[in-house]
Amino acid sequence: MAPMSLKRAAVLGFSGTTFLMLCVFVPGATRPKLPPQGVVPNEQTAIRIAEAIFEPVFGIEYSAKWQPYHAQLDKSDVWTVYGTLPRGMMGGTPMLRIRKQDGRVLEVWHSQ
């Protein structure tokens, strides 16, 4: 087999890259529309997403310490998820803000 010229290799590499891009960005392809109620439609879904994020950020044991978690939806359709402080304890809990419409996590922090 004859060695491939550098120019031919570059053309093949470019062609391969172009083909790959066309496979990923197919003209006319459509993304499914988001559900009208949003991808985070209720408190339970917001809490499940938050718990999945809290564990790698704060640790499994530490995140479990603040259960049960609760969520409130504000006027701008953003869920705020927060933990429960044990009776008589002062301090804060893990918190998260997530957009109802597309599920984008806006903030993750620990309140004081």
N, C-alpha and C. Protein backbone atom coordinates (compact mmCIF):
# COMPACT_ATOMS: atom_id res chain seq x y z
N MET A 1 0.84 -1.17 0.00
CA MET A 1 0.00 0.00 0.00
C MET A 1 0.89 1.24 0.00
N ALA A 2 0.63 2.16 -0.89
CA ALA A 2 1.43 3.37 -1.02
C ALA A 2 1.09 4.34 0.10
N PRO A 3 2.12 5.05 0.60
CA PRO A 3 1.84 6.02 1.66
C PRO A 3 0.97 7.15 1.13
N MET A 4 0.08 7.60 1.98
CA MET A 4 -0.85 8.66 1.60
C MET A 4 -0.13 10.00 1.67
N SER A 5 -0.36 10.85 0.68
CA SER A 5 0.27 12.17 0.69
C SER A 5 -0.36 13.02 1.79
N LEU A 6 0.41 13.97 2.28
CA LEU A 6 -0.07 14.85 3.34
C LEU A 6 -1.29 15.64 2.88
N LYS A 7 -1.26 16.08 1.61
CA LYS A 7 -2.39 16.85 1.08
C LYS A 7 -3.65 15.99 1.04
N ARG A 8 -3.51 14.76 0.60
CA ARG A 8 -4.67 13.86 0.53
C ARG A 8 -5.18 13.54 1.94
N ALA A 9 -4.28 13.33 2.90
CA ALA A 9 -4.67 13.06 4.27
C ALA A 9 -5.44 14.25 4.85
N ALA A 10 -4.98 15.46 4.55
CA ALA A 10 -5.66 16.66 5.04
C ALA A 10 -7.06 16.75 4.45
N VAL A 11 -7.19 16.46 3.16
CA VAL A 11 -8.51 16.50 2.51
C VAL A 11 -9.42 15.45 3.12
N LEU A 12 -8.91 14.25 3.32
CA LEU A 12 -9.73 13.19 3.92
C LEU A 12 -10.12 13.56 5.35
N GLY A 13 -9.18 14.14 6.09
CA GLY A 13 -9.48 14.56 7.45
C GLY A 13 -10.55 15.63 7.46
N PHE A 14 -10.45 16.61 6.55
CA PHE A 14 -11.44 17.66 6.45
C PHE A 14 -12.79 17.07 6.06
N SER A 15 -12.77 16.16 5.09
CA SER A 15 -14.02 15.53 4.65
C SER A 15 -14.66 14.74 5.78
N GLY A 16 -13.84 14.04 6.55
CA GLY A 16 -14.37 13.27 7.68
C GLY A 16 -14.98 14.18 8.73
N THR A 17 -14.33 15.30 8.99
CA THR A 17 -14.84 16.26 9.96
C THR A 17 -16.15 16.86 9.45
N THR A 18 -16.20 17.20 8.17
CA THR A 18 -17.40 17.76 7.58
C THR A 18 -18.54 16.75 7.68
N PHE A 19 -18.27 15.50 7.37
CA PHE A 19 -19.29 14.47 7.45
C PHE A 19 -19.82 14.33 8.88
N LEU A 20 -18.90 14.34 9.84
CA LEU A 20 -19.30 14.23 11.25
C LEU A 20 -20.18 15.40 11.64
N MET A 21 -19.80 16.61 11.22
CA MET A 21 -20.60 17.78 11.54
C MET A 21 -21.98 17.69 10.91
N LEU A 22 -22.06 17.18 9.69
CA LEU A 22 -23.35 17.04 9.03
C LEU A 22 -24.23 16.03 9.76
N CYS A 23 -23.61 15.01 10.32
CA CYS A 23 -24.38 14.03 11.08
C CYS A 23 -24.96 14.65 12.35
N VAL A 24 -24.22 15.56 12.94
CA VAL A 24 -24.66 16.19 14.18
C VAL A 24 -25.63 17.33 13.90
N PHE A 25 -25.35 18.12 12.87
CA PHE A 25 -26.16 19.29 12.54
C PHE A 25 -26.89 19.06 11.22
N VAL A 26 -27.85 18.19 11.22
CA VAL A 26 -28.58 17.86 10.02
C VAL A 26 -29.59 18.97 9.73
N PRO A 27 -29.49 19.59 8.55
CA PRO A 27 -30.45 20.64 8.21
C PRO A 27 -31.87 20.08 8.21
N GLY A 28 -32.77 20.84 8.73
CA GLY A 28 -34.17 20.42 8.75
C GLY A 28 -34.53 19.55 9.94
N ALA A 29 -33.53 19.10 10.70
CA ALA A 29 -33.82 18.29 11.88
C ALA A 29 -34.45 19.19 12.94
N THR A 30 -35.41 18.66 13.63
CA THR A 30 -36.09 19.46 14.65
C THR A 30 -35.90 18.83 16.02
N ARG A 31 -35.81 19.68 17.00
CA ARG A 31 -35.76 19.21 18.38
C ARG A 31 -37.19 19.09 18.87
N PRO A 32 -37.43 18.13 19.74
CA PRO A 32 -38.80 18.06 20.27
C PRO A 32 -39.08 19.30 21.09
N LYS A 33 -40.31 19.76 21.05
CA LYS A 33 -40.70 20.94 21.83
C LYS A 33 -40.80 20.56 23.29
N LEU A 34 -40.48 21.52 24.13
CA LEU A 34 -40.61 21.30 25.57
C LEU A 34 -42.09 21.23 25.92
N PRO A 35 -42.44 20.42 26.91
CA PRO A 35 -43.85 20.32 27.28
C PRO A 35 -44.38 21.68 27.77
N PRO A 36 -45.64 21.99 27.51
CA PRO A 36 -46.19 23.29 27.90
C PRO A 36 -46.12 23.54 29.41
N GLN A 37 -46.18 22.48 30.20
CA GLN A 37 -46.10 22.63 31.66
C GLN A 37 -44.67 22.73 32.15
N GLY A 38 -43.70 22.65 31.22
CA GLY A 38 -42.29 22.73 31.56
C GLY A 38 -41.72 21.36 31.88
N VAL A 39 -40.38 21.26 31.90
CA VAL A 39 -39.74 19.99 32.19
C VAL A 39 -39.63 19.72 33.69
N VAL A 40 -39.88 20.74 34.50
CA VAL A 40 -39.92 20.59 35.96
C VAL A 40 -41.31 21.07 36.40
N PRO A 41 -42.34 20.26 36.15
CA PRO A 41 -43.71 20.73 36.33
C PRO A 41 -44.21 20.82 37.77
N ASN A 42 -43.53 20.13 38.69
CA ASN A 42 -44.06 20.08 40.06
C ASN A 42 -42.95 20.01 41.10
N GLU A 43 -43.38 20.15 42.36
CA GLU A 43 -42.44 20.15 43.48
C GLU A 43 -41.63 18.86 43.55
N GLN A 44 -42.29 17.73 43.35
CA GLN A 44 -41.60 16.44 43.45
C GLN A 44 -40.45 16.34 42.45
N THR A 45 -40.68 16.77 41.22
CA THR A 45 -39.63 16.72 40.19
C THR A 45 -38.48 17.66 40.55
N ALA A 46 -38.80 18.86 41.02
CA ALA A 46 -37.76 19.82 41.42
C ALA A 46 -36.89 19.23 42.53
N ILE A 47 -37.52 18.59 43.50
CA ILE A 47 -36.78 17.99 44.63
C ILE A 47 -35.89 16.85 44.15
N ARG A 48 -36.39 16.00 43.28
CA ARG A 48 -35.58 14.87 42.79
C ARG A 48 -34.35 15.36 42.03
N ILE A 49 -34.52 16.40 41.24
CA ILE A 49 -33.38 16.97 40.52
C ILE A 49 -32.38 17.56 41.51
N ALA A 50 -32.89 18.32 42.48
CA ALA A 50 -32.01 18.94 43.48
C ALA A 50 -31.22 17.89 44.26
N GLU A 51 -31.88 16.83 44.69
CA GLU A 51 -31.19 15.78 45.44
C GLU A 51 -30.08 15.15 44.60
N ALA A 52 -30.33 14.97 43.31
CA ALA A 52 -29.30 14.39 42.43
C ALA A 52 -28.10 15.33 42.31
N ILE A 53 -28.32 16.62 42.42
CA ILE A 53 -27.23 17.60 42.34
C ILE A 53 -26.56 17.79 43.69
N PHE A 54 -27.34 17.79 44.76
CA PHE A 54 -26.78 18.00 46.11
C PHE A 54 -25.76 16.92 46.48
N GLU A 55 -26.03 15.67 46.13
CA GLU A 55 -25.16 14.57 46.55
C GLU A 55 -23.71 14.74 46.08
N PRO A 56 -23.44 15.01 44.79
CA PRO A 56 -22.03 15.20 44.41
C PRO A 56 -21.45 16.52 44.91
N VAL A 57 -22.28 17.52 45.13
CA VAL A 57 -21.77 18.82 45.58
C VAL A 57 -21.47 18.82 47.07
N PHE A 58 -22.42 18.32 47.88
CA PHE A 58 -22.29 18.38 49.34
C PHE A 58 -21.96 17.04 49.99
N GLY A 59 -22.08 15.96 49.24
CA GLY A 59 -21.85 14.63 49.79
C GLY A 59 -23.17 13.95 50.13
N ILE A 60 -23.19 12.62 50.05
CA ILE A 60 -24.42 11.85 50.25
C ILE A 60 -24.93 11.99 51.68
N GLU A 61 -24.07 11.77 52.64
CA GLU A 61 -24.49 11.83 54.06
C GLU A 61 -24.94 13.23 54.44
N TYR A 62 -24.18 14.23 54.02
CA TYR A 62 -24.51 15.60 54.38
C TYR A 62 -25.85 16.02 53.75
N SER A 63 -26.08 15.64 52.50
CA SER A 63 -27.34 15.98 51.82
C SER A 63 -28.53 15.31 52.49
N ALA A 64 -28.36 14.05 52.92
CA ALA A 64 -29.44 13.32 53.57
C ALA A 64 -29.83 13.94 54.91
N LYS A 65 -28.89 14.62 55.54
CA LYS A 65 -29.11 15.25 56.85
C LYS A 65 -30.24 16.29 56.82
N TRP A 66 -30.50 16.90 55.67
CA TRP A 66 -31.46 17.99 55.57
C TRP A 66 -32.80 17.57 54.98
N GLN A 67 -33.04 16.28 54.86
CA GLN A 67 -34.33 15.80 54.35
C GLN A 67 -35.38 15.92 55.44
N PRO A 68 -36.63 16.10 55.06
CA PRO A 68 -37.13 16.18 53.69
C PRO A 68 -36.86 17.55 53.07
N TYR A 69 -36.75 17.55 51.75
CA TYR A 69 -36.58 18.78 51.00
C TYR A 69 -37.95 19.28 50.56
N HIS A 70 -38.04 20.58 50.36
CA HIS A 70 -39.28 21.22 49.91
C HIS A 70 -38.93 22.13 48.74
N ALA A 71 -39.94 22.52 47.96
CA ALA A 71 -39.71 23.43 46.84
C ALA A 71 -40.87 24.40 46.73
N GLN A 72 -40.54 25.63 46.37
CA GLN A 72 -41.54 26.66 46.13
C GLN A 72 -41.30 27.25 44.75
N LEU A 73 -42.40 27.50 44.05
CA LEU A 73 -42.35 28.10 42.71
C LEU A 73 -42.62 29.59 42.84
N ASP A 74 -41.71 30.42 42.30
CA ASP A 74 -41.92 31.87 42.40
C ASP A 74 -42.66 32.39 41.16
N LYS A 75 -42.91 33.70 41.12
CA LYS A 75 -43.68 34.32 40.04
C LYS A 75 -42.98 34.24 38.69
N SER A 76 -41.66 34.07 38.70
CA SER A 76 -40.92 33.97 37.44
C SER A 76 -40.73 32.52 36.99
N ASP A 77 -41.52 31.60 37.57
CA ASP A 77 -41.47 30.17 37.23
C ASP A 77 -40.10 29.55 37.48
N VAL A 78 -39.53 29.89 38.63
CA VAL A 78 -38.27 29.29 39.08
C VAL A 78 -38.54 28.60 40.41
N TRP A 79 -38.17 27.32 40.48
CA TRP A 79 -38.30 26.55 41.71
C TRP A 79 -37.11 26.85 42.62
N THR A 80 -37.37 27.04 43.90
CA THR A 80 -36.32 27.10 44.91
C THR A 80 -36.50 25.89 45.81
N VAL A 81 -35.48 25.05 45.85
CA VAL A 81 -35.53 23.83 46.66
C VAL A 81 -34.66 24.06 47.90
N TYR A 82 -35.17 23.67 49.06
CA TYR A 82 -34.45 23.89 50.32
C TYR A 82 -34.71 22.72 51.26
N GLY A 83 -33.78 22.52 52.18
CA GLY A 83 -33.90 21.43 53.14
C GLY A 83 -34.64 21.84 54.39
N THR A 84 -34.76 20.88 55.32
CA THR A 84 -35.44 21.09 56.59
C THR A 84 -34.42 21.12 57.71
N LEU A 85 -34.47 22.18 58.51
CA LEU A 85 -33.60 22.25 59.69
C LEU A 85 -34.25 21.48 60.83
N PRO A 86 -33.49 20.69 61.57
CA PRO A 86 -34.05 20.02 62.74
C PRO A 86 -34.57 21.06 63.74
N ARG A 87 -35.65 20.73 64.43
CA ARG A 87 -36.26 21.64 65.40
C ARG A 87 -35.21 22.15 66.39
N GLY A 88 -35.19 23.46 66.60
CA GLY A 88 -34.27 24.08 67.54
C GLY A 88 -32.88 24.36 66.99
N MET A 89 -32.60 23.91 65.78
CA MET A 89 -31.27 24.11 65.20
C MET A 89 -31.27 25.39 64.37
N MET A 90 -30.19 26.15 64.48
CA MET A 90 -30.04 27.35 63.67
C MET A 90 -29.02 27.06 62.58
N GLY A 91 -29.14 27.75 61.48
CA GLY A 91 -28.20 27.57 60.39
C GLY A 91 -28.92 27.52 59.06
N GLY A 92 -28.32 26.85 58.09
CA GLY A 92 -28.90 26.79 56.76
C GLY A 92 -28.86 25.38 56.20
N THR A 93 -29.36 25.26 55.00
CA THR A 93 -29.44 23.97 54.32
C THR A 93 -28.97 24.12 52.88
N PRO A 94 -28.70 23.02 52.20
CA PRO A 94 -28.43 23.11 50.76
C PRO A 94 -29.65 23.69 50.04
N MET A 95 -29.39 24.52 49.05
CA MET A 95 -30.47 25.14 48.29
C MET A 95 -30.13 25.13 46.81
N LEU A 96 -31.17 25.21 45.99
CA LEU A 96 -31.00 25.18 44.55
C LEU A 96 -32.15 25.94 43.90
N ARG A 97 -31.84 26.66 42.83
CA ARG A 97 -32.87 27.31 42.02
C ARG A 97 -32.82 26.69 40.63
N ILE A 98 -33.99 26.28 40.13
CA ILE A 98 -34.07 25.62 38.83
C ILE A 98 -35.27 26.15 38.05
N ARG A 99 -35.06 26.43 36.78
CA ARG A 99 -36.12 26.99 35.94
C ARG A 99 -37.13 25.91 35.55
N LYS A 100 -38.39 26.20 35.75
CA LYS A 100 -39.48 25.25 35.47
C LYS A 100 -39.54 24.88 33.98
N GLN A 101 -39.42 25.86 33.10
CA GLN A 101 -39.63 25.63 31.68
C GLN A 101 -38.63 24.66 31.06
N ASP A 102 -37.31 24.87 31.34
CA ASP A 102 -36.30 24.05 30.65
C ASP A 102 -35.39 23.26 31.59
N GLY A 103 -35.59 23.39 32.91
CA GLY A 103 -34.79 22.62 33.86
C GLY A 103 -33.39 23.17 34.10
N ARG A 104 -33.12 24.36 33.63
CA ARG A 104 -31.78 24.93 33.82
C ARG A 104 -31.55 25.26 35.30
N VAL A 105 -30.45 24.76 35.82
CA VAL A 105 -30.08 25.04 37.21
C VAL A 105 -29.41 26.41 37.23
N LEU A 106 -29.99 27.32 38.01
CA LEU A 106 -29.51 28.69 38.04
C LEU A 106 -28.51 28.93 39.17
N GLU A 107 -28.72 28.26 40.32
CA GLU A 107 -27.85 28.44 41.47
C GLU A 107 -27.86 27.20 42.35
N VAL A 108 -26.74 26.91 42.96
CA VAL A 108 -26.64 25.89 44.00
C VAL A 108 -25.81 26.52 45.11
N TRP A 109 -26.32 26.50 46.35
CA TRP A 109 -25.59 27.09 47.46
C TRP A 109 -26.05 26.50 48.77
N HIS A 110 -25.39 26.89 49.82
CA HIS A 110 -25.79 26.47 51.17
C HIS A 110 -26.16 27.75 51.93
N SER A 111 -27.40 27.82 52.39
CA SER A 111 -27.84 29.02 53.09
C SER A 111 -27.19 29.09 54.48
N GLN A 112 -27.25 30.25 55.09
CA GLN A 112 -26.63 30.45 56.40
C GLN A 112 -27.66 30.44 57.51
